[in-house]
Each structure stands twice: as C-alpha cells, then as structure tokens.
Amino acid sequence: MLIPVAPADPIISLEDAKQHLRIDHTDDDAYITALIRAAETAVSERLERTLGVTTWDYRIGSEDICGGFDIRLPTPPLIEVLSVKYFDTDGAEQTYAPANYRAFGIGGRGGIRLTGGASWPSLRYGPEAVTIRYKAGYADVPEPIRQAVKLLIGQLYAQRGEMVQENLTEDPAIKNLLAPYRVWGV
C-alpha cells in the first residue's frame, strides 16, 4: 500500500495554466486549479512516476520481504529513503537500523537492499508489517512532462461538460511527450 505523507505542490502554477489557456480573468481560478490536480494525477498515473517531490509511506507485508532480496519502491524517481520501520513479533513498532540497508537507484527506479551480513529481524506475520518512508519525484520536472500536463489542462478546460470518448493521455502529442519517461515493467 502506497500512502502520500507529504504531497507535492502542483508542478504547474495557476498562473502558468492561465497563461497556457490565454485567460486573464479570475472567474475560473478554482476550476483551473482542480484541472491542474486532475491533469497532474492523470500524467503521474500514466507514467507510474511521482512528479513533484513527495514523501511516501510504502507498506508491505512480511511475506514481501522473505529471502532478504531487494525491495523496489514504486513511483520513481527515488530521492532518498528516510526510514524503515517494522512491527516485531510482539506487535511493537521498531525502527530498522540504517546500517542494515542501503538505498540504490537514486534518481531512477530505486529501492533498498540489505547490507552485507544484515538480515531482517523477526516480523509480525501479515500485511503492512514493514513501512518504508521515502522521498520521490523531480526537484525540476522535465519540460516535456510539464508541457504534457499543460496540454491536458487545455483539453479538459476546452471540453468541460462534454463526454470524452477516449483517454486524454492517448492524444498523440501528449503520448509522445511522455513516452521517454514512462516506467515499464516491474
């Protein structure tokens, strides 16, 4: 389960969106702000990436860490791992010592890996036994992603109240802008 702890600020400001839409009044500011969030969410989901810098809690079950293999973190690009907490067999929350693991794949599809000689402690069996808190996203969002979000905002604004027959992120211009950034595979 992936939970945002500290969501990012929008990557497109209201002023940027209004300039893109060529709007100079304030009548639709609340609506445009909602479109910014909707467009950013659609693009983030399409890419399977975090756009603006966000702090996440990734909760996994005890069965997901059996064997001590790497744990890949969803929604790259990974910035840093802040903490790893777990529930011990008595149900008490513990902090796993940072010396026992290291982050890998910073700036891309990263995760954590146990350091040499380290092993997982005895965990409470079941879901959400381990919580990995980490930061992911772009400090400076690539311009093609920003432009794709603006195009999507423009389409949503122009087509409000109308039925959209297909996924708007399938628009060829948006699709081509996003293609180099899409996460493929597991």
Protein backbone atom coordinates (compact mmCIF):
# COMPACT_ATOMS: atom_id res chain seq x y z
CA MET A 1 0.00 0.00 0.00
CA LEU A 2 1.37 3.38 -1.00
CA ILE A 3 0.31 6.42 1.03
CA PRO A 4 1.38 10.04 0.45
CA VAL A 5 2.64 11.54 3.72
CA ALA A 6 3.63 14.96 2.37
CA PRO A 7 2.10 15.53 -1.08
CA ALA A 8 3.90 17.70 -3.57
CA ASP A 9 2.94 21.18 -4.57
CA PRO A 10 1.49 21.35 -8.10
CA ILE A 11 4.13 21.33 -10.83
CA ILE A 12 2.08 23.79 -12.89
CA SER A 13 1.10 27.01 -11.14
CA LEU A 14 -2.29 28.61 -11.62
CA GLU A 15 -0.55 31.49 -13.40
CA ASP A 16 1.24 29.09 -15.80
CA ALA A 17 -2.00 27.28 -16.56
CA LYS A 18 -3.89 30.53 -17.18
CA GLN A 19 -1.13 31.79 -19.46
CA HIS A 20 -1.28 28.49 -21.41
CA LEU A 21 -5.09 28.79 -21.64
CA ARG A 22 -4.80 32.50 -22.54
CA ILE A 23 -7.10 33.51 -19.70
CA ASP A 24 -6.73 36.81 -17.89
CA HIS A 25 -9.79 36.76 -15.60
CA THR A 26 -10.21 35.11 -12.20
CA ASP A 27 -13.71 33.66 -12.71
CA ASP A 28 -12.42 30.13 -13.37
CA ASP A 29 -9.47 30.04 -10.95
CA ALA A 30 -10.95 27.36 -8.69
CA TYR A 31 -11.93 25.25 -11.70
CA ILE A 32 -8.49 25.60 -13.31
CA THR A 33 -6.82 24.68 -10.01
CA ALA A 34 -8.91 21.48 -9.94
CA LEU A 35 -7.93 20.77 -13.57
CA ILE A 36 -4.25 21.17 -12.68
CA ARG A 37 -4.57 18.48 -9.98
CA ALA A 38 -6.58 16.20 -12.28
CA ALA A 39 -4.11 16.56 -15.16
CA GLU A 40 -1.09 16.02 -12.92
CA THR A 41 -2.69 12.93 -11.40
CA ALA A 42 -3.51 11.52 -14.85
CA VAL A 43 0.04 12.10 -16.09
CA SER A 44 1.60 10.70 -12.91
CA GLU A 45 -0.54 7.56 -13.18
CA ARG A 46 0.21 7.21 -16.88
CA LEU A 47 3.94 7.40 -16.22
CA GLU A 48 3.82 5.48 -12.93
CA ARG A 49 6.10 8.22 -11.58
CA THR A 50 6.00 10.87 -8.91
CA LEU A 51 6.11 14.31 -10.49
CA GLY A 52 6.72 16.85 -7.71
CA VAL A 53 8.78 15.92 -4.64
CA THR A 54 6.54 13.78 -2.42
CA THR A 55 7.13 11.86 0.80
CA TRP A 56 5.59 8.38 0.65
CA ASP A 57 4.96 5.53 3.07
CA TYR A 58 5.23 2.17 1.31
CA ARG A 59 3.65 -0.51 3.48
CA ILE A 60 4.38 -4.12 2.66
CA GLY A 61 3.58 -7.45 4.23
CA SER A 62 6.03 -9.76 5.94
CA GLU A 63 5.74 -12.20 3.03
CA ASP A 64 7.03 -9.49 0.65
CA ILE A 65 10.46 -9.41 2.27
CA CYS A 66 11.14 -13.12 2.66
CA GLY A 67 14.59 -14.05 1.45
CA GLY A 68 16.11 -10.61 2.02
CA PHE A 69 16.02 -9.58 -1.63
CA ASP A 70 15.87 -6.01 -2.87
CA ILE A 71 12.68 -4.11 -2.23
CA ARG A 72 11.82 -1.89 -5.19
CA LEU A 73 9.96 1.28 -4.32
CA PRO A 74 7.08 2.38 -6.54
CA THR A 75 6.70 5.77 -8.22
CA PRO A 76 10.25 6.81 -9.11
CA PRO A 77 12.45 8.77 -9.30
CA LEU A 78 13.78 7.91 -5.84
CA ILE A 79 15.38 10.81 -3.97
CA GLU A 80 16.14 9.24 -0.60
CA VAL A 81 14.98 6.65 1.91
CA LEU A 82 14.07 8.33 5.18
CA SER A 83 13.32 5.34 7.42
CA VAL A 84 12.35 1.70 7.60
CA LYS A 85 10.01 0.69 10.41
CA TYR A 86 8.53 -2.69 11.20
CA PHE A 87 6.30 -4.46 13.67
CA ASP A 88 8.10 -7.12 15.68
CA THR A 89 6.52 -10.43 16.68
CA ASP A 90 5.07 -8.76 19.81
CA GLY A 91 3.35 -6.12 17.67
CA ALA A 92 5.63 -3.27 18.78
CA GLU A 93 6.81 -0.84 16.12
CA GLN A 94 10.59 -0.74 15.74
CA THR A 95 12.96 1.27 13.57
CA TYR A 96 15.28 -0.83 11.43
CA ALA A 97 18.84 0.47 11.77
CA PRO A 98 20.01 2.35 8.65
CA ALA A 99 23.32 0.49 8.84
CA ASN A 100 21.43 -2.69 7.86
CA TYR A 101 20.30 -1.42 4.45
CA ARG A 102 21.23 0.99 1.73
CA ALA A 103 19.24 2.80 -0.91
CA PHE A 104 20.01 2.04 -4.54
CA GLY A 105 18.81 3.55 -7.81
CA ILE A 106 18.75 7.15 -6.59
CA GLY A 107 17.32 9.30 -9.39
CA GLY A 108 15.54 6.34 -11.00
CA ARG A 109 13.75 3.12 -10.14
CA GLY A 110 15.30 2.55 -6.76
CA GLY A 111 14.73 0.73 -3.56
CA ILE A 112 16.52 -0.72 -0.57
CA ARG A 113 18.98 -3.59 -0.31
CA LEU A 114 20.29 -5.22 2.84
CA THR A 115 23.95 -4.58 3.52
CA GLY A 116 26.42 -7.46 3.77
CA GLY A 117 25.67 -9.69 6.74
CA ALA A 118 22.38 -7.96 7.59
CA SER A 119 19.10 -9.83 7.80
CA TRP A 120 15.55 -8.87 8.55
CA PRO A 121 14.52 -9.16 12.19
CA SER A 122 11.60 -11.35 13.22
CA LEU A 123 8.48 -9.63 11.95
CA ARG A 124 4.81 -9.78 12.81
CA TYR A 125 3.25 -12.00 10.20
CA GLY A 126 0.76 -10.35 7.87
CA PRO A 127 0.11 -7.26 5.80
CA GLU A 128 1.71 -3.88 6.47
CA ALA A 129 4.44 -5.34 8.70
CA VAL A 130 7.07 -3.00 7.21
CA THR A 131 6.80 0.69 6.33
CA ILE A 132 9.44 2.32 4.17
CA ARG A 133 9.26 6.10 4.20
CA TYR A 134 10.95 7.75 1.25
CA LYS A 135 11.01 10.82 -0.96
CA ALA A 136 10.47 10.56 -4.68
CA GLY A 137 9.84 12.96 -7.53
CA TYR A 138 11.58 15.61 -9.55
CA ALA A 139 13.11 18.68 -7.96
CA ASP A 140 12.97 20.11 -11.50
CA VAL A 141 10.25 18.39 -13.56
CA PRO A 142 11.39 17.72 -17.14
CA GLU A 143 9.87 20.20 -19.59
CA PRO A 144 8.19 17.54 -21.80
CA ILE A 145 6.21 16.34 -18.77
CA ARG A 146 5.24 19.90 -17.86
CA GLN A 147 4.10 20.56 -21.44
CA ALA A 148 2.04 17.34 -21.48
CA VAL A 149 0.29 18.44 -18.28
CA LYS A 150 -0.46 21.85 -19.83
CA LEU A 151 -1.86 20.24 -22.97
CA LEU A 152 -4.08 18.02 -20.86
CA ILE A 153 -5.30 21.01 -18.82
CA GLY A 154 -6.15 22.74 -22.10
CA GLN A 155 -8.12 19.75 -23.36
CA LEU A 156 -10.02 19.39 -20.09
CA TYR A 157 -10.82 23.10 -20.00
CA ALA A 158 -12.00 23.18 -23.62
CA GLN A 159 -14.12 20.03 -23.30
CA ARG A 160 -15.76 20.66 -19.95
CA GLY A 161 -19.18 19.20 -19.70
CA GLU A 162 -18.70 17.13 -22.84
CA MET A 163 -18.24 13.38 -22.91
CA VAL A 164 -14.66 12.43 -23.71
CA GLN A 165 -14.67 9.22 -25.73
CA GLU A 166 -11.09 8.13 -25.09
CA ASN A 167 -8.33 8.53 -22.58
CA LEU A 168 -6.99 12.07 -22.97
CA THR A 169 -3.43 10.95 -22.27
CA GLU A 170 -3.68 8.93 -25.52
CA ASP A 171 -3.56 12.19 -27.50
CA PRO A 172 -0.56 11.74 -29.85
CA ALA A 173 1.16 14.95 -28.71
CA ILE A 174 0.78 14.08 -25.02
CA LYS A 175 1.72 10.46 -25.62
CA ASN A 176 4.91 11.44 -27.47
CA LEU A 177 5.93 13.96 -24.82
CA LEU A 178 5.51 11.35 -22.07
CA ALA A 179 6.92 8.28 -23.85
CA PRO A 180 10.57 8.69 -22.73
CA TYR A 181 9.53 8.95 -19.06
CA ARG A 182 7.11 6.03 -18.75
CA VAL A 183 8.07 3.26 -16.33
CA TRP A 184 7.83 -0.15 -17.98
CA GLY A 185 7.75 -3.50 -16.26
CA VAL A 186 8.15 -4.31 -12.60
